[in-house]
Protein backbone atom coordinates (compact mmCIF):
# COMPACT_ATOMS: atom_id res chain seq x y z
CA ASP A 1 -0.08 0.00 -0.26
CA HIS A 2 3.03 2.35 -0.98
CA GLN A 3 1.42 5.32 -2.07
CA LEU A 4 2.42 9.04 -3.08
CA LEU A 5 2.92 10.96 -0.37
CA ARG A 6 4.53 14.76 0.94
CA LEU A 7 7.62 13.86 3.04
CA ASP A 8 7.42 17.43 4.50
CA GLU A 9 3.68 17.19 5.41
CA ILE A 10 4.51 13.49 7.23
CA VAL A 11 7.58 15.36 9.06
CA THR A 12 5.63 18.97 10.00
CA GLN A 13 2.81 16.97 12.13
CA ALA A 14 5.74 14.24 13.72
CA VAL A 15 7.54 17.57 14.72
CA ALA A 16 3.85 19.40 15.81
CA ASP A 17 3.18 16.13 17.69
CA ALA A 18 6.09 15.95 19.61
CA ALA A 19 6.69 19.60 20.51
CA PRO A 20 5.02 18.63 24.15
CA PHE A 21 7.48 16.22 24.96
CA ALA A 22 10.38 18.84 23.61
CA VAL A 23 8.76 21.62 25.36
CA GLN A 24 8.75 18.88 28.64
CA ARG A 25 11.94 18.66 28.41
CA HIS A 26 13.22 21.90 27.84
CA ILE A 27 14.59 21.23 24.18
CA ASP A 28 14.43 24.00 21.61
CA LEU A 29 12.94 21.60 18.57
CA GLY A 30 12.61 23.18 15.10
CA LEU A 31 12.08 22.60 11.99
CA PRO A 32 13.93 24.92 9.75
CA GLU A 33 13.76 23.69 6.51
CA ALA A 34 10.98 21.67 4.88
CA GLU A 35 11.38 21.36 1.54
CA ALA A 36 7.52 20.39 -0.87
CA VAL A 37 8.53 16.66 -1.46
CA THR A 38 6.88 13.60 -2.67
CA VAL A 39 8.11 10.26 -1.67
CA PHE A 40 6.71 7.01 -2.31
CA GLY A 41 5.84 5.40 0.62
CA GLN A 42 3.95 3.60 3.76
CA PRO A 43 2.56 6.69 4.78
CA ASP A 44 1.98 4.57 8.73
CA ALA A 45 5.57 4.02 8.45
CA LEU A 46 7.50 6.88 7.23
CA ARG A 47 5.16 8.61 10.71
CA ILE A 48 6.72 5.70 12.77
CA LEU A 49 10.28 6.37 11.08
CA THR A 50 10.10 9.70 11.54
CA ARG A 51 8.58 9.99 15.38
CA ASN A 52 11.34 7.76 16.47
CA LEU A 53 13.92 9.72 14.39
CA ILE A 54 12.37 13.19 16.63
CA ASP A 55 12.27 11.18 20.15
CA ASN A 56 15.21 9.62 19.94
CA ALA A 57 16.91 12.91 19.41
CA ILE A 58 14.36 15.06 21.99
CA LYS A 59 15.35 11.78 24.65
CA TYR A 60 18.84 11.55 24.34
CA THR A 61 19.22 15.31 23.96
CA PRO A 62 20.19 17.07 27.84
CA GLU A 63 17.45 19.86 29.01
CA GLY A 64 18.09 22.80 27.31
CA GLY A 65 19.40 21.25 24.32
CA MET A 66 18.36 21.55 20.51
CA VAL A 67 16.69 19.21 18.00
CA ASP A 68 16.34 20.67 14.34
CA VAL A 69 14.77 18.83 11.44
CA ARG A 70 14.65 19.15 7.67
CA VAL A 71 13.63 18.07 4.59
CA GLN A 72 15.58 18.97 1.44
CA ALA A 73 15.74 17.77 -2.15
CA GLN A 74 18.99 16.85 -3.22
CA GLY A 75 18.83 16.13 -6.60
CA ALA A 76 16.00 13.68 -7.21
CA ASP A 77 16.77 12.37 -3.67
CA ALA A 78 14.66 13.24 -0.91
CA LEU A 79 16.38 13.72 2.72
CA LEU A 80 15.65 13.63 5.82
CA ILE A 81 17.35 15.36 8.74
CA VAL A 82 17.46 15.25 12.28
CA ASP A 83 20.25 16.94 14.19
CA ASP A 84 20.80 17.03 18.15
CA SER A 85 23.07 18.68 20.49
CA GLY A 86 22.80 15.84 22.63
CA PRO A 87 26.17 13.32 23.44
CA GLY A 88 26.19 11.52 20.02
CA ILE A 89 27.55 8.23 19.23
CA PRO A 90 30.94 7.46 18.71
CA GLU A 91 31.80 6.34 15.21
CA ASP A 92 32.87 3.22 15.98
CA GLN A 93 29.41 2.25 17.33
CA ARG A 94 27.30 3.16 15.03
CA ALA A 95 26.28 0.02 13.24
CA ASP A 96 26.05 -1.09 16.65
CA ALA A 97 23.43 1.49 17.52
CA MET A 98 20.89 0.20 14.46
CA ARG A 99 20.94 -3.20 16.01
CA ARG A 100 17.59 -4.06 17.61
CA PHE A 101 17.51 -3.52 21.16
CA HIS A 102 21.27 -1.71 21.17
CA ARG A 103 21.17 1.17 24.08
CA ALA A 104 24.00 3.71 24.40
CA ALA A 105 25.75 3.67 27.47
CA GLN A 106 27.24 7.01 26.77
CA ALA A 107 27.50 9.76 29.91
CA GLY A 108 24.21 11.10 30.86
CA ALA A 109 22.21 8.55 28.74
CA ALA A 110 22.17 6.13 31.94
CA GLN A 111 18.45 7.89 33.13
CA VAL A 112 17.08 7.07 29.65
CA GLN A 113 13.75 4.71 28.93
CA GLY A 114 13.74 2.73 25.99
CA SER A 115 13.41 -0.23 24.00
CA GLY A 116 16.90 0.30 22.05
CA LEU A 117 14.65 -0.37 19.06
CA GLY A 118 14.33 3.45 17.55
CA LEU A 119 16.40 3.29 15.28
CA ALA A 120 16.63 -0.42 14.37
CA ILE A 121 12.94 0.48 13.43
CA VAL A 122 14.17 3.19 11.68
CA LYS A 123 16.57 1.16 9.46
CA ALA A 124 13.89 -1.41 8.92
CA VAL A 125 11.57 1.49 7.43
CA ALA A 126 14.02 2.85 5.53
CA GLN A 127 14.59 -0.63 3.82
CA GLN A 128 10.95 -0.97 2.78
CA HIS A 129 11.31 2.29 1.49
CA SER A 130 14.96 1.53 -0.65
CA SER A 131 16.47 4.09 1.24
CA SER A 132 19.58 4.29 3.77
CA VAL A 133 20.18 5.84 6.86
CA ASN A 134 23.51 7.59 7.96
CA LEU A 135 24.62 8.31 11.11
CA SER A 136 27.08 11.76 11.66
CA THR A 137 28.17 14.43 14.23
CA SER A 138 25.87 16.92 13.59
CA ALA A 139 27.86 20.96 13.33
CA GLU A 140 26.47 20.77 17.28
CA GLY A 141 28.64 17.91 18.55
CA GLY A 142 25.76 15.64 18.84
CA LEU A 143 24.04 12.76 16.29
CA MET A 144 22.70 13.70 12.68
CA VAL A 145 20.69 11.70 10.71
CA THR A 146 19.46 11.28 7.38
CA VAL A 147 17.66 9.26 5.64
CA ASP A 148 18.13 9.48 1.86
CA PHE A 149 15.13 8.69 -0.19
CA PRO A 150 16.31 7.64 -3.38
CA ASP A 151 14.53 9.09 -6.20
CA ARG A 152 11.45 10.55 -5.84
CA THR A 153 11.01 11.33 -8.97
CA PHE A 154 7.80 9.13 -10.54
CA SER A 155 6.44 9.46 -13.93
């Protein structure tokens, strides 16, 4: 049941839905860029992917931190980028972070409750959409997750 969807609309709704959680944790949640991009996907699965990324970023970012979400067109691809100012994930642990039930063992993450499924779910949904997930370091030193939806141009 894949269909043409506006990724920017799904992401805008997910940011709005996550706003109370961000406010509660004193996190500055923003959507500085939401280009109008269309992807071929399963709406509920993409909502789950987006909420998992945003909720994880809010959860792992210390109070007073920042989470920025962007939707960008890059050539024929659509990018969903979630940046945070949290502790990040060291490069040598990023592959493990995508596995089911893996929990970050960073300083300051001990109080975080979760199943360790967030990024594994994101990876599984991305794979269903022939998309890749890349973990890197954000400009703020936290985690930047980029989901690349290839070839969004459909005739």
